[in-house]
């Protein structure tokens, strides 16, 4: 274990190393730029894109484009595949005559 003298000497070295410390200085107009950024918000690429998309005119135009495309696709699908309404004869039960012709059955 270190003696009290060694600990006191290390403490003095640490305290002496702090003598040359000066106050940190910022670049000119740092606080002005900082306040402008804080008031304006953080507008990176995603935030600008989302801010543009949330404008009412843009969002309504996109909604209209999607509705037009959806309507076109549905109309095109209905015109290429007409409604298939099966005739009732397709579902009618056919008379099975092979049982009548079997001589082994009573």
PDB file of N, CA and C in Angstrom:
ATOM      1  N   UNK A   1       0.834  -1.177   0.000  1.00  0.00           N
ATOM      2  CA  UNK A   1       0.000   0.000   0.000  1.00  0.00           C
ATOM      3  C   UNK A   1       0.881   1.243   0.000  1.00  0.00           C
ATOM      4  N   UNK A   2       0.412   2.274  -0.698  1.00  0.00           N
ATOM      5  CA  UNK A   2       1.223   3.483  -0.815  1.00  0.00           C
ATOM      6  C   UNK A   2       1.170   4.287   0.475  1.00  0.00           C
ATOM      7  N   UNK A   3       2.234   4.956   0.699  1.00  0.00           N
ATOM      8  CA  UNK A   3       2.277   5.760   1.922  1.00  0.00           C
ATOM      9  C   UNK A   3       1.532   7.076   1.710  1.00  0.00           C
ATOM     10  N   UNK A   4       1.269   7.751   2.813  1.00  0.00           N
ATOM     11  CA  UNK A   4       0.547   9.014   2.745  1.00  0.00           C
ATOM     12  C   UNK A   4       1.359  10.058   1.990  1.00  0.00           C
ATOM     13  N   UNK A   5       2.675   9.939   2.068  1.00  0.00           N
ATOM     14  CA  UNK A   5       3.537  10.899   1.371  1.00  0.00           C
ATOM     15  C   UNK A   5       3.392  10.735  -0.138  1.00  0.00           C
ATOM     16  N   UNK A   6       3.339   9.475  -0.613  1.00  0.00           N
ATOM     17  CA  UNK A   6       3.168   9.220  -2.055  1.00  0.00           C
ATOM     18  C   UNK A   6       1.802   9.712  -2.547  1.00  0.00           C
ATOM     19  N   UNK A   7       0.792   9.489  -1.738  1.00  0.00           N
ATOM     20  CA  UNK A   7      -0.559   9.921  -2.118  1.00  0.00           C
ATOM     21  C   UNK A   7      -0.616  11.446  -2.166  1.00  0.00           C
ATOM     22  N   UNK A   8      -0.004  12.103  -1.201  1.00  0.00           N
ATOM     23  CA  UNK A   8       0.010  13.571  -1.180  1.00  0.00           C
ATOM     24  C   UNK A   8       0.778  14.108  -2.386  1.00  0.00           C
ATOM     25  N   UNK A   9       1.856  13.453  -2.750  1.00  0.00           N
ATOM     26  CA  UNK A   9       2.638  13.896  -3.909  1.00  0.00           C
ATOM     27  C   UNK A   9       1.829  13.740  -5.213  1.00  0.00           C
ATOM     28  N   UNK A  10       1.107  12.622  -5.364  1.00  0.00           N
ATOM     29  CA  UNK A  10       0.267  12.421  -6.550  1.00  0.00           C
ATOM     30  C   UNK A  10      -0.865  13.445  -6.598  1.00  0.00           C
ATOM     31  N   UNK A  11      -1.420  13.752  -5.427  1.00  0.00           N
ATOM     32  CA  UNK A  11      -2.485  14.748  -5.365  1.00  0.00           C
ATOM     33  C   UNK A  11      -1.951  16.116  -5.778  1.00  0.00           C
ATOM     34  N   UNK A  12      -0.770  16.467  -5.341  1.00  0.00           N
ATOM     35  CA  UNK A  12      -0.160  17.746  -5.721  1.00  0.00           C
ATOM     36  C   UNK A  12       0.122  17.792  -7.217  1.00  0.00           C
ATOM     37  N   UNK A  13       0.561  16.681  -7.812  1.00  0.00           N
ATOM     38  CA  UNK A  13       0.815  16.645  -9.251  1.00  0.00           C
ATOM     39  C   UNK A  13      -0.477  16.877 -10.042  1.00  0.00           C
ATOM     40  N   UNK A  14      -1.535  16.249  -9.582  1.00  0.00           N
ATOM     41  CA  UNK A  14      -2.820  16.427 -10.262  1.00  0.00           C
ATOM     42  C   UNK A  14      -3.287  17.866 -10.137  1.00  0.00           C
ATOM     43  N   UNK A  15      -3.176  18.434  -8.965  1.00  0.00           N
ATOM     44  CA  UNK A  15      -3.615  19.811  -8.763  1.00  0.00           C
ATOM     45  C   UNK A  15      -2.759  20.790  -9.561  1.00  0.00           C
ATOM     46  N   UNK A  16      -1.463  20.515  -9.671  1.00  0.00           N
ATOM     47  CA  UNK A  16      -0.589  21.393 -10.446  1.00  0.00           C
ATOM     48  C   UNK A  16      -0.873  21.280 -11.952  1.00  0.00           C
ATOM     49  N   UNK A  17      -1.325  20.120 -12.386  1.00  0.00           N
ATOM     50  CA  UNK A  17      -1.624  19.975 -13.802  1.00  0.00           C
ATOM     51  C   UNK A  17      -2.854  20.797 -14.192  1.00  0.00           C
ATOM     52  N   UNK A  18      -3.684  21.134 -13.220  1.00  0.00           N
ATOM     53  CA  UNK A  18      -4.868  21.936 -13.480  1.00  0.00           C
ATOM     54  C   UNK A  18      -4.576  23.434 -13.533  1.00  0.00           C
ATOM     55  N   UNK A  19      -3.363  23.848 -13.200  1.00  0.00           N
ATOM     56  CA  UNK A  19      -3.028  25.279 -13.173  1.00  0.00           C
ATOM     57  C   UNK A  19      -3.063  25.904 -14.564  1.00  0.00           C
ATOM     58  N   UNK A  20      -2.721  25.162 -15.601  1.00  0.00           N
ATOM     59  CA  UNK A  20      -2.647  25.728 -16.940  1.00  0.00           C
ATOM     60  C   UNK A  20      -3.966  25.717 -17.694  1.00  0.00           C
ATOM     61  N   UNK A  21      -5.017  25.292 -17.060  1.00  0.00           N
ATOM     62  CA  UNK A  21      -6.309  25.197 -17.745  1.00  0.00           C
ATOM     63  C   UNK A  21      -6.903  26.590 -17.911  1.00  0.00           C
ATOM     64  N   UNK A  22      -7.413  26.838 -19.139  1.00  0.00           N
ATOM     65  CA  UNK A  22      -8.086  28.099 -19.420  1.00  0.00           C
ATOM     66  C   UNK A  22      -9.525  27.805 -19.845  1.00  0.00           C
ATOM     67  N   UNK A  23     -10.295  28.840 -19.825  1.00  0.00           N
ATOM     68  CA  UNK A  23     -11.693  28.696 -20.231  1.00  0.00           C
ATOM     69  C   UNK A  23     -11.756  28.409 -21.734  1.00  0.00           C
ATOM     70  N   UNK A  24     -12.586  27.464 -22.102  1.00  0.00           N
ATOM     71  CA  UNK A  24     -12.752  27.123 -23.520  1.00  0.00           C
ATOM     72  C   UNK A  24     -13.498  28.245 -24.216  1.00  0.00           C
ATOM     73  N   UNK A  25     -13.033  28.586 -25.409  1.00  0.00           N
ATOM     74  CA  UNK A  25     -13.666  29.662 -26.171  1.00  0.00           C
ATOM     75  C   UNK A  25     -14.303  29.081 -27.426  1.00  0.00           C
ATOM     76  N   UNK A  26     -15.411  29.668 -27.821  1.00  0.00           N
ATOM     77  CA  UNK A  26     -16.120  29.201 -29.007  1.00  0.00           C
ATOM     78  C   UNK A  26     -15.794  30.106 -30.193  1.00  0.00           C
ATOM     79  N   UNK A  27     -16.191  29.639 -31.353  1.00  0.00           N
ATOM     80  CA  UNK A  27     -16.002  30.443 -32.556  1.00  0.00           C
ATOM     81  C   UNK A  27     -16.954  31.633 -32.514  1.00  0.00           C
ATOM     82  N   UNK A  28     -16.655  32.658 -33.279  1.00  0.00           N
ATOM     83  CA  UNK A  28     -17.558  33.823 -33.296  1.00  0.00           C
ATOM     84  C   UNK A  28     -18.957  33.422 -33.780  1.00  0.00           C
ATOM     85  N   UNK A  29     -19.967  34.011 -33.212  1.00  0.00           N
ATOM     86  CA  UNK A  29     -21.373  33.813 -33.553  1.00  0.00           C
ATOM     87  C   UNK A  29     -21.847  32.379 -33.305  1.00  0.00           C
ATOM     88  N   UNK A  30     -21.172  31.644 -32.435  1.00  0.00           N
ATOM     89  CA  UNK A  30     -21.581  30.271 -32.140  1.00  0.00           C
ATOM     90  C   UNK A  30     -22.968  30.245 -31.513  1.00  0.00           C
ATOM     91  N   UNK A  31     -23.211  31.093 -30.530  1.00  0.00           N
ATOM     92  CA  UNK A  31     -24.492  31.078 -29.835  1.00  0.00           C
ATOM     93  C   UNK A  31     -25.621  31.542 -30.745  1.00  0.00           C
ATOM     94  N   UNK A  32     -25.326  32.454 -31.669  1.00  0.00           N
ATOM     95  CA  UNK A  32     -26.351  32.889 -32.617  1.00  0.00           C
ATOM     96  C   UNK A  32     -26.759  31.732 -33.519  1.00  0.00           C
ATOM     97  N   UNK A  33     -25.787  30.989 -34.035  1.00  0.00           N
ATOM     98  CA  UNK A  33     -26.087  29.837 -34.889  1.00  0.00           C
ATOM     99  C   UNK A  33     -26.790  28.741 -34.096  1.00  0.00           C
ATOM    100  N   UNK A  34     -26.378  28.542 -32.856  1.00  0.00           N
ATOM    101  CA  UNK A  34     -27.004  27.537 -32.007  1.00  0.00           C
ATOM    102  C   UNK A  34     -28.476  27.871 -31.759  1.00  0.00           C
ATOM    103  N   UNK A  35     -28.751  29.117 -31.442  1.00  0.00           N
ATOM    104  CA  UNK A  35     -30.143  29.515 -31.187  1.00  0.00           C
ATOM    105  C   UNK A  35     -30.986  29.409 -32.457  1.00  0.00           C
ATOM    106  N   UNK A  36     -30.415  29.751 -33.612  1.00  0.00           N
ATOM    107  CA  UNK A  36     -31.160  29.647 -34.871  1.00  0.00           C
ATOM    108  C   UNK A  36     -31.488  28.195 -35.175  1.00  0.00           C
ATOM    109  N   UNK A  37     -30.560  27.301 -34.917  1.00  0.00           N
ATOM    110  CA  UNK A  37     -30.811  25.876 -35.173  1.00  0.00           C
ATOM    111  C   UNK A  37     -31.851  25.322 -34.202  1.00  0.00           C
ATOM    112  N   UNK A  38     -31.797  25.757 -32.945  1.00  0.00           N
ATOM    113  CA  UNK A  38     -32.760  25.272 -31.963  1.00  0.00           C
ATOM    114  C   UNK A  38     -34.165  25.776 -32.277  1.00  0.00           C
ATOM    115  N   UNK A  39     -34.293  26.999 -32.744  1.00  0.00           N
ATOM    116  CA  UNK A  39     -35.609  27.543 -33.072  1.00  0.00           C
ATOM    117  C   UNK A  39     -36.148  26.945 -34.364  1.00  0.00           C
ATOM    118  N   UNK A  40     -35.275  26.695 -35.326  1.00  0.00           N
ATOM    119  CA  UNK A  40     -35.706  26.163 -36.616  1.00  0.00           C
ATOM    120  C   UNK A  40     -35.935  24.675 -36.604  1.00  0.00           C
ATOM    121  N   UNK A  41     -35.500  23.986 -35.628  1.00  0.00           N
ATOM    122  CA  UNK A  41     -35.645  22.538 -35.570  1.00  0.00           C
ATOM    123  C   UNK A  41     -34.517  21.857 -36.331  1.00  0.00           C
ATOM    124  N   UNK A  42     -34.504  20.567 -36.234  1.00  0.00           N
ATOM    125  CA  UNK A  42     -33.472  19.772 -36.899  1.00  0.00           C
ATOM    126  C   UNK A  42     -34.017  19.320 -38.242  1.00  0.00           C
ATOM    127  N   UNK A  43     -33.673  20.013 -39.300  1.00  0.00           N
ATOM    128  CA  UNK A  43     -34.202  19.708 -40.621  1.00  0.00           C
ATOM    129  C   UNK A  43     -33.172  18.946 -41.437  1.00  0.00           C
ATOM    130  N   UNK A  44     -33.110  17.649 -41.209  1.00  0.00           N
ATOM    131  CA  UNK A  44     -32.253  16.826 -42.063  1.00  0.00           C
ATOM    132  C   UNK A  44     -33.076  16.381 -43.267  1.00  0.00           C
ATOM    133  N   UNK A  45     -32.533  15.489 -44.067  1.00  0.00           N
ATOM    134  CA  UNK A  45     -33.201  15.078 -45.296  1.00  0.00           C
ATOM    135  C   UNK A  45     -34.569  14.479 -45.067  1.00  0.00           C
ATOM    136  N   UNK A  46     -34.704  13.594 -44.101  1.00  0.00           N
ATOM    137  CA  UNK A  46     -35.991  12.936 -43.828  1.00  0.00           C
ATOM    138  C   UNK A  46     -37.022  13.930 -43.326  1.00  0.00           C
ATOM    139  N   UNK A  47     -36.614  14.821 -42.451  1.00  0.00           N
ATOM    140  CA  UNK A  47     -37.563  15.790 -41.910  1.00  0.00           C
ATOM    141  C   UNK A  47     -38.067  16.737 -42.994  1.00  0.00           C
ATOM    142  N   UNK A  48     -37.174  17.147 -43.896  1.00  0.00           N
ATOM    143  CA  UNK A  48     -37.603  18.016 -44.996  1.00  0.00           C
ATOM    144  C   UNK A  48     -38.572  17.282 -45.908  1.00  0.00           C
ATOM    145  N   UNK A  49     -38.282  16.010 -46.193  1.00  0.00           N
ATOM    146  CA  UNK A  49     -39.138  15.209 -47.059  1.00  0.00           C
ATOM    147  C   UNK A  49     -40.520  15.035 -46.428  1.00  0.00           C
ATOM    148  N   UNK A  50     -40.557  14.718 -45.144  1.00  0.00           N
ATOM    149  CA  UNK A  50     -41.839  14.551 -44.460  1.00  0.00           C
ATOM    150  C   UNK A  50     -42.591  15.872 -44.341  1.00  0.00           C
ATOM    151  N   UNK A  51     -41.866  16.950 -44.132  1.00  0.00           N
ATOM    152  CA  UNK A  51     -42.520  18.263 -44.071  1.00  0.00           C
ATOM    153  C   UNK A  51     -43.147  18.600 -45.416  1.00  0.00           C
ATOM    154  N   UNK A  52     -42.500  18.213 -46.501  1.00  0.00           N
ATOM    155  CA  UNK A  52     -43.049  18.450 -47.840  1.00  0.00           C
ATOM    156  C   UNK A  52     -44.281  17.572 -48.084  1.00  0.00           C
ATOM    157  N   UNK A  53     -44.226  16.313 -47.661  1.00  0.00           N
ATOM    158  CA  UNK A  53     -45.338  15.394 -47.897  1.00  0.00           C
ATOM    159  C   UNK A  53     -46.578  15.723 -47.063  1.00  0.00           C
ATOM    160  N   UNK A  54     -46.394  16.376 -45.934  1.00  0.00           N
ATOM    161  CA  UNK A  54     -47.532  16.669 -45.065  1.00  0.00           C
ATOM    162  C   UNK A  54     -48.248  17.951 -45.450  1.00  0.00           C
ATOM    163  N   UNK A  55     -47.802  18.625 -46.492  1.00  0.00           N
ATOM    164  CA  UNK A  55     -48.546  19.779 -46.993  1.00  0.00           C
ATOM    165  C   UNK A  55     -49.870  19.288 -47.557  1.00  0.00           C
ATOM    166  N   UNK A  56     -50.951  19.993 -47.294  1.00  0.00           N
ATOM    167  CA  UNK A  56     -52.260  19.513 -47.751  1.00  0.00           C
ATOM    168  C   UNK A  56     -52.353  19.325 -49.262  1.00  0.00           C
ATOM    169  N   UNK A  57     -51.783  20.229 -50.039  1.00  0.00           N
ATOM    170  CA  UNK A  57     -51.885  20.107 -51.496  1.00  0.00           C
ATOM    171  C   UNK A  57     -51.143  18.872 -51.999  1.00  0.00           C
ATOM    172  N   UNK A  58     -49.988  18.608 -51.434  1.00  0.00           N
ATOM    173  CA  UNK A  58     -49.194  17.449 -51.868  1.00  0.00           C
ATOM    174  C   UNK A  58     -49.872  16.160 -51.452  1.00  0.00           C
ATOM    175  N   UNK A  59     -50.358  16.102 -50.217  1.00  0.00           N
ATOM    176  CA  UNK A  59     -50.995  14.866 -49.754  1.00  0.00           C
ATOM    177  C   UNK A  59     -52.290  14.586 -50.519  1.00  0.00           C
ATOM    178  N   UNK A  60     -53.068  15.611 -50.832  1.00  0.00           N
ATOM    179  CA  UNK A  60     -54.285  15.395 -51.610  1.00  0.00           C
ATOM    180  C   UNK A  60     -53.968  14.980 -53.043  1.00  0.00           C
ATOM    181  N   UNK A  61     -52.915  15.562 -53.624  1.00  0.00           N
ATOM    182  CA  UNK A  61     -52.525  15.167 -54.975  1.00  0.00           C
ATOM    183  C   UNK A  61     -52.070  13.710 -55.009  1.00  0.00           C
ATOM    184  N   UNK A  62     -51.303  13.291 -54.018  1.00  0.00           N
ATOM    185  CA  UNK A  62     -50.877  11.888 -53.953  1.00  0.00           C
ATOM    186  C   UNK A  62     -52.061  10.956 -53.748  1.00  0.00           C
ATOM    187  N   UNK A  63     -53.001  11.357 -52.922  1.00  0.00           N
ATOM    188  CA  UNK A  63     -54.200  10.551 -52.715  1.00  0.00           C
ATOM    189  C   UNK A  63     -54.988  10.413 -54.014  1.00  0.00           C
ATOM    190  N   UNK A  64     -55.116  11.495 -54.752  1.00  0.00           N
ATOM    191  CA  UNK A  64     -55.824  11.452 -56.019  1.00  0.00           C
ATOM    192  C   UNK A  64     -55.121  10.543 -57.021  1.00  0.00           C
ATOM    193  N   UNK A  65     -53.796  10.610 -57.071  1.00  0.00           N
ATOM    194  CA  UNK A  65     -53.035   9.736 -57.984  1.00  0.00           C
ATOM    195  C   UNK A  65     -53.259   8.273 -57.620  1.00  0.00           C
ATOM    196  N   UNK A  66     -53.197   7.940 -56.355  1.00  0.00           N
ATOM    197  CA  UNK A  66     -53.416   6.555 -55.938  1.00  0.00           C
ATOM    198  C   UNK A  66     -54.831   6.083 -56.254  1.00  0.00           C
ATOM    199  N   UNK A  67     -55.817   6.949 -56.056  1.00  0.00           N
ATOM    200  CA  UNK A  67     -57.189   6.569 -56.354  1.00  0.00           C
ATOM    201  C   UNK A  67     -57.403   6.361 -57.851  1.00  0.00           C
ATOM    202  N   UNK A  68     -56.776   7.202 -58.669  1.00  0.00           N
ATOM    203  CA  UNK A  68     -56.903   7.041 -60.117  1.00  0.00           C
ATOM    204  C   UNK A  68     -56.249   5.738 -60.569  1.00  0.00           C
ATOM    205  N   UNK A  69     -55.067   5.455 -60.060  1.00  0.00           N
ATOM    206  CA  UNK A  69     -54.391   4.206 -60.421  1.00  0.00           C
ATOM    207  C   UNK A  69     -55.205   3.004 -59.958  1.00  0.00           C
ATOM    208  N   UNK A  70     -55.736   3.069 -58.763  1.00  0.00           N
ATOM    209  CA  UNK A  70     -56.551   1.974 -58.228  1.00  0.00           C
ATOM    210  C   UNK A  70     -57.802   1.775 -59.076  1.00  0.00           C
ATOM    211  N   UNK A  71     -58.483   2.856 -59.437  1.00  0.00           N
ATOM    212  CA  UNK A  71     -59.667   2.751 -60.279  1.00  0.00           C
ATOM    213  C   UNK A  71     -59.349   2.179 -61.651  1.00  0.00           C
ATOM    214  N   UNK A  72     -58.252   2.600 -62.231  1.00  0.00           N
ATOM    215  CA  UNK A  72     -57.843   2.077 -63.537  1.00  0.00           C
ATOM    216  C   UNK A  72     -57.576   0.570 -63.464  1.00  0.00           C
ATOM    217  N   UNK A  73     -56.878   0.149 -62.441  1.00  0.00           N
ATOM    218  CA  UNK A  73     -56.562  -1.276 -62.314  1.00  0.00           C
ATOM    219  C   UNK A  73     -57.824  -2.107 -62.086  1.00  0.00           C
ATOM    220  N   UNK A  74     -58.734  -1.615 -61.288  1.00  0.00           N
ATOM    221  CA  UNK A  74     -59.979  -2.356 -61.051  1.00  0.00           C
ATOM    222  C   UNK A  74     -60.812  -2.413 -62.329  1.00  0.00           C
ATOM    223  N   UNK A  75     -60.930  -1.288 -63.037  1.00  0.00           N
ATOM    224  CA  UNK A  75     -61.694  -1.265 -64.281  1.00  0.00           C
ATOM    225  C   UNK A  75     -61.069  -2.189 -65.316  1.00  0.00           C
ATOM    226  N   UNK A  76     -59.747  -2.185 -65.406  1.00  0.00           N
ATOM    227  CA  UNK A  76     -59.045  -3.040 -66.355  1.00  0.00           C
ATOM    228  C   UNK A  76     -59.242  -4.512 -65.999  1.00  0.00           C
ATOM    229  N   UNK A  77     -59.227  -4.842 -64.730  1.00  0.00           N
ATOM    230  CA  UNK A  77     -59.426  -6.221 -64.288  1.00  0.00           C
ATOM    231  C   UNK A  77     -60.844  -6.700 -64.611  1.00  0.00           C
ATOM    232  N   UNK A  78     -61.833  -5.837 -64.402  1.00  0.00           N
ATOM    233  CA  UNK A  78     -63.213  -6.220 -64.671  1.00  0.00           C
ATOM    234  C   UNK A  78     -63.490  -6.365 -66.170  1.00  0.00           C
ATOM    235  N   UNK A  79     -62.806  -5.576 -66.983  1.00  0.00           N
ATOM    236  CA  UNK A  79     -63.067  -5.665 -68.416  1.00  0.00           C
ATOM    237  C   UNK A  79     -62.391  -6.885 -69.039  1.00  0.00           C
ATOM    238  N   UNK A  80     -61.301  -7.353 -68.481  1.00  0.00           N
ATOM    239  CA  UNK A  80     -60.623  -8.527 -69.036  1.00  0.00           C
ATOM    240  C   UNK A  80     -61.221  -9.826 -68.537  1.00  0.00           C
ATOM    241  N   UNK A  81     -61.844  -9.821 -67.380  1.00  0.00           N
ATOM    242  CA  UNK A  81     -62.467 -11.022 -66.824  1.00  0.00           C
ATOM    243  C   UNK A  81     -63.951 -10.752 -66.624  1.00  0.00           C
ATOM    244  N   UNK A  82     -64.773 -11.032 -67.624  1.00  0.00           N
ATOM    245  CA  UNK A  82     -66.206 -10.793 -67.422  1.00  0.00           C
ATOM    246  C   UNK A  82     -66.735 -11.709 -66.326  1.00  0.00           C
ATOM    247  N   UNK A  83     -67.830 -11.303 -65.785  1.00  0.00           N
ATOM    248  CA  UNK A  83     -68.414 -12.095 -64.698  1.00  0.00           C
ATOM    249  C   UNK A  83     -68.751 -13.489 -65.183  1.00  0.00           C
ATOM    250  N   UNK A  84     -68.356 -14.439 -64.427  1.00  0.00           N
ATOM    251  CA  UNK A  84     -68.635 -15.823 -64.777  1.00  0.00           C
ATOM    252  C   UNK A  84     -69.846 -16.282 -63.976  1.00  0.00           C
ATOM    253  N   UNK A  85     -70.969 -16.282 -64.607  1.00  0.00           N
ATOM    254  CA  UNK A  85     -72.167 -16.794 -63.950  1.00  0.00           C
ATOM    255  C   UNK A  85     -72.461 -18.159 -64.552  1.00  0.00           C
ATOM    256  N   UNK A  86     -72.217 -19.193 -63.809  1.00  0.00           N
ATOM    257  CA  UNK A  86     -72.396 -20.535 -64.363  1.00  0.00           C
ATOM    258  C   UNK A  86     -73.872 -20.836 -64.603  1.00  0.00           C
ATOM    259  N   UNK A  87     -74.087 -21.585 -65.621  1.00  0.00           N
ATOM    260  CA  UNK A  87     -75.466 -22.001 -65.918  1.00  0.00           C
ATOM    261  C   UNK A  87     -75.918 -22.997 -64.861  1.00  0.00           C
ATOM    262  N   UNK A  88     -77.207 -23.066 -64.675  1.00  0.00           N
ATOM    263  CA  UNK A  88     -77.720 -23.986 -63.666  1.00  0.00           C
ATOM    264  C   UNK A  88     -77.498 -25.439 -64.078  1.00  0.00           C
ATOM    265  N   UNK A  89     -77.311 -25.667 -65.368  1.00  0.00           N
ATOM    266  CA  UNK A  89     -77.082 -27.046 -65.812  1.00  0.00           C
ATOM    267  C   UNK A  89     -75.710 -27.553 -65.387  1.00  0.00           C
ATOM    268  N   UNK A  90     -74.803 -26.646 -65.108  1.00  0.00           N
ATOM    269  CA  UNK A  90     -73.483 -27.069 -64.639  1.00  0.00           C
ATOM    270  C   UNK A  90     -73.567 -27.695 -63.258  1.00  0.00           C
ATOM    271  N   UNK A  91     -74.548 -27.279 -62.490  1.00  0.00           N
ATOM    272  CA  UNK A  91     -74.654 -27.784 -61.136  1.00  0.00           C
ATOM    273  C   UNK A  91     -75.771 -28.824 -60.977  1.00  0.00           C
ATOM    274  N   UNK A  92     -76.418 -29.161 -62.033  1.00  0.00           N
ATOM    275  CA  UNK A  92     -77.516 -30.130 -61.951  1.00  0.00           C
ATOM    276  C   UNK A  92     -76.956 -31.529 -61.726  1.00  0.00           C
ATOM    277  N   UNK A  93     -77.686 -32.328 -60.974  1.00  0.00           N
ATOM    278  CA  UNK A  93     -77.255 -33.689 -60.693  1.00  0.00           C
ATOM    279  C   UNK A  93     -77.620 -34.556 -61.888  1.00  0.00           C
ATOM    280  N   UNK A  94     -76.622 -35.215 -62.361  1.00  0.00           N
ATOM    281  CA  UNK A  94     -76.851 -36.101 -63.503  1.00  0.00           C
ATOM    282  C   UNK A  94     -77.382 -37.435 -62.980  1.00  0.00           C
ATOM    283  N   UNK A  95     -78.198 -38.056 -63.761  1.00  0.00           N
ATOM    284  CA  UNK A  95     -78.732 -39.348 -63.366  1.00  0.00           C
ATOM    285  C   UNK A  95     -77.654 -40.408 -63.580  1.00  0.00           C
ATOM    286  N   UNK A  96     -77.409 -41.170 -62.551  1.00  0.00           N
ATOM    287  CA  UNK A  96     -76.382 -42.192 -62.602  1.00  0.00           C
ATOM    288  C   UNK A  96     -77.064 -43.503 -62.971  1.00  0.00           C
ATOM    289  N   UNK A  97     -76.747 -44.006 -64.145  1.00  0.00           N
ATOM    290  CA  UNK A  97     -77.427 -45.209 -64.607  1.00  0.00           C
ATOM    291  C   UNK A  97     -76.575 -46.470 -64.477  1.00  0.00           C
ATOM    292  N   UNK A  98     -75.371 -46.374 -64.080  1.00  0.00           N
ATOM    293  CA  UNK A  98     -74.547 -47.576 -63.980  1.00  0.00           C
ATOM    294  C   UNK A  98     -75.017 -48.476 -62.858  1.00  0.00           C
ATOM    295  N   UNK A  99     -75.701 -47.963 -61.858  1.00  0.00           N
ATOM    296  CA  UNK A  99     -76.219 -48.822 -60.815  1.00  0.00           C
ATOM    297  C   UNK A  99     -77.448 -49.596 -61.315  1.00  0.00           C
ATOM    298  N   UNK A 100     -78.223 -49.000 -62.193  1.00  0.00           N
ATOM    299  CA  UNK A 100     -79.395 -49.678 -62.720  1.00  0.00           C
ATOM    300  C   UNK A 100     -79.013 -50.850 -63.650  1.00  0.00           C
ATOM    301  N   UNK A 101     -77.926 -50.714 -64.323  1.00  0.00           N
ATOM    302  CA  UNK A 101     -77.507 -51.747 -65.283  1.00  0.00           C
ATOM    303  C   UNK A 101     -76.700 -52.865 -64.634  1.00  0.00           C
ATOM    304  N   UNK A 102     -76.424 -52.791 -63.380  1.00  0.00           N
ATOM    305  CA  UNK A 102     -75.606 -53.807 -62.708  1.00  0.00           C
ATOM    306  C   UNK A 102     -76.494 -55.009 -62.338  1.00  0.00           C
ATOM    307  N   UNK A 103     -76.214 -56.218 -62.904  1.00  0.00           N
ATOM    308  CA  UNK A 103     -77.066 -57.378 -62.623  1.00  0.00           C
ATOM    309  C   UNK A 103     -76.832 -57.973 -61.230  1.00  0.00           C
ATOM    310  N   UNK A 104     -75.728 -57.626 -60.603  1.00  0.00           N
ATOM    311  CA  UNK A 104     -75.431 -58.212 -59.285  1.00  0.00           C
ATOM    312  C   UNK A 104     -76.220 -57.558 -58.174  1.00  0.00           C
ATOM    313  N   UNK A 105     -76.717 -56.391 -58.412  1.00  0.00           N
ATOM    314  CA  UNK A 105     -77.485 -55.696 -57.383  1.00  0.00           C
ATOM    315  C   UNK A 105     -78.946 -56.123 -57.424  1.00  0.00           C
ATOM    316  N   UNK A 106     -79.598 -56.225 -56.277  1.00  0.00           N
ATOM    317  CA  UNK A 106     -80.998 -56.668 -56.267  1.00  0.00           C
ATOM    318  C   UNK A 106     -81.951 -55.692 -56.849  1.00  0.00           C
TER     319      UNK A 106
END
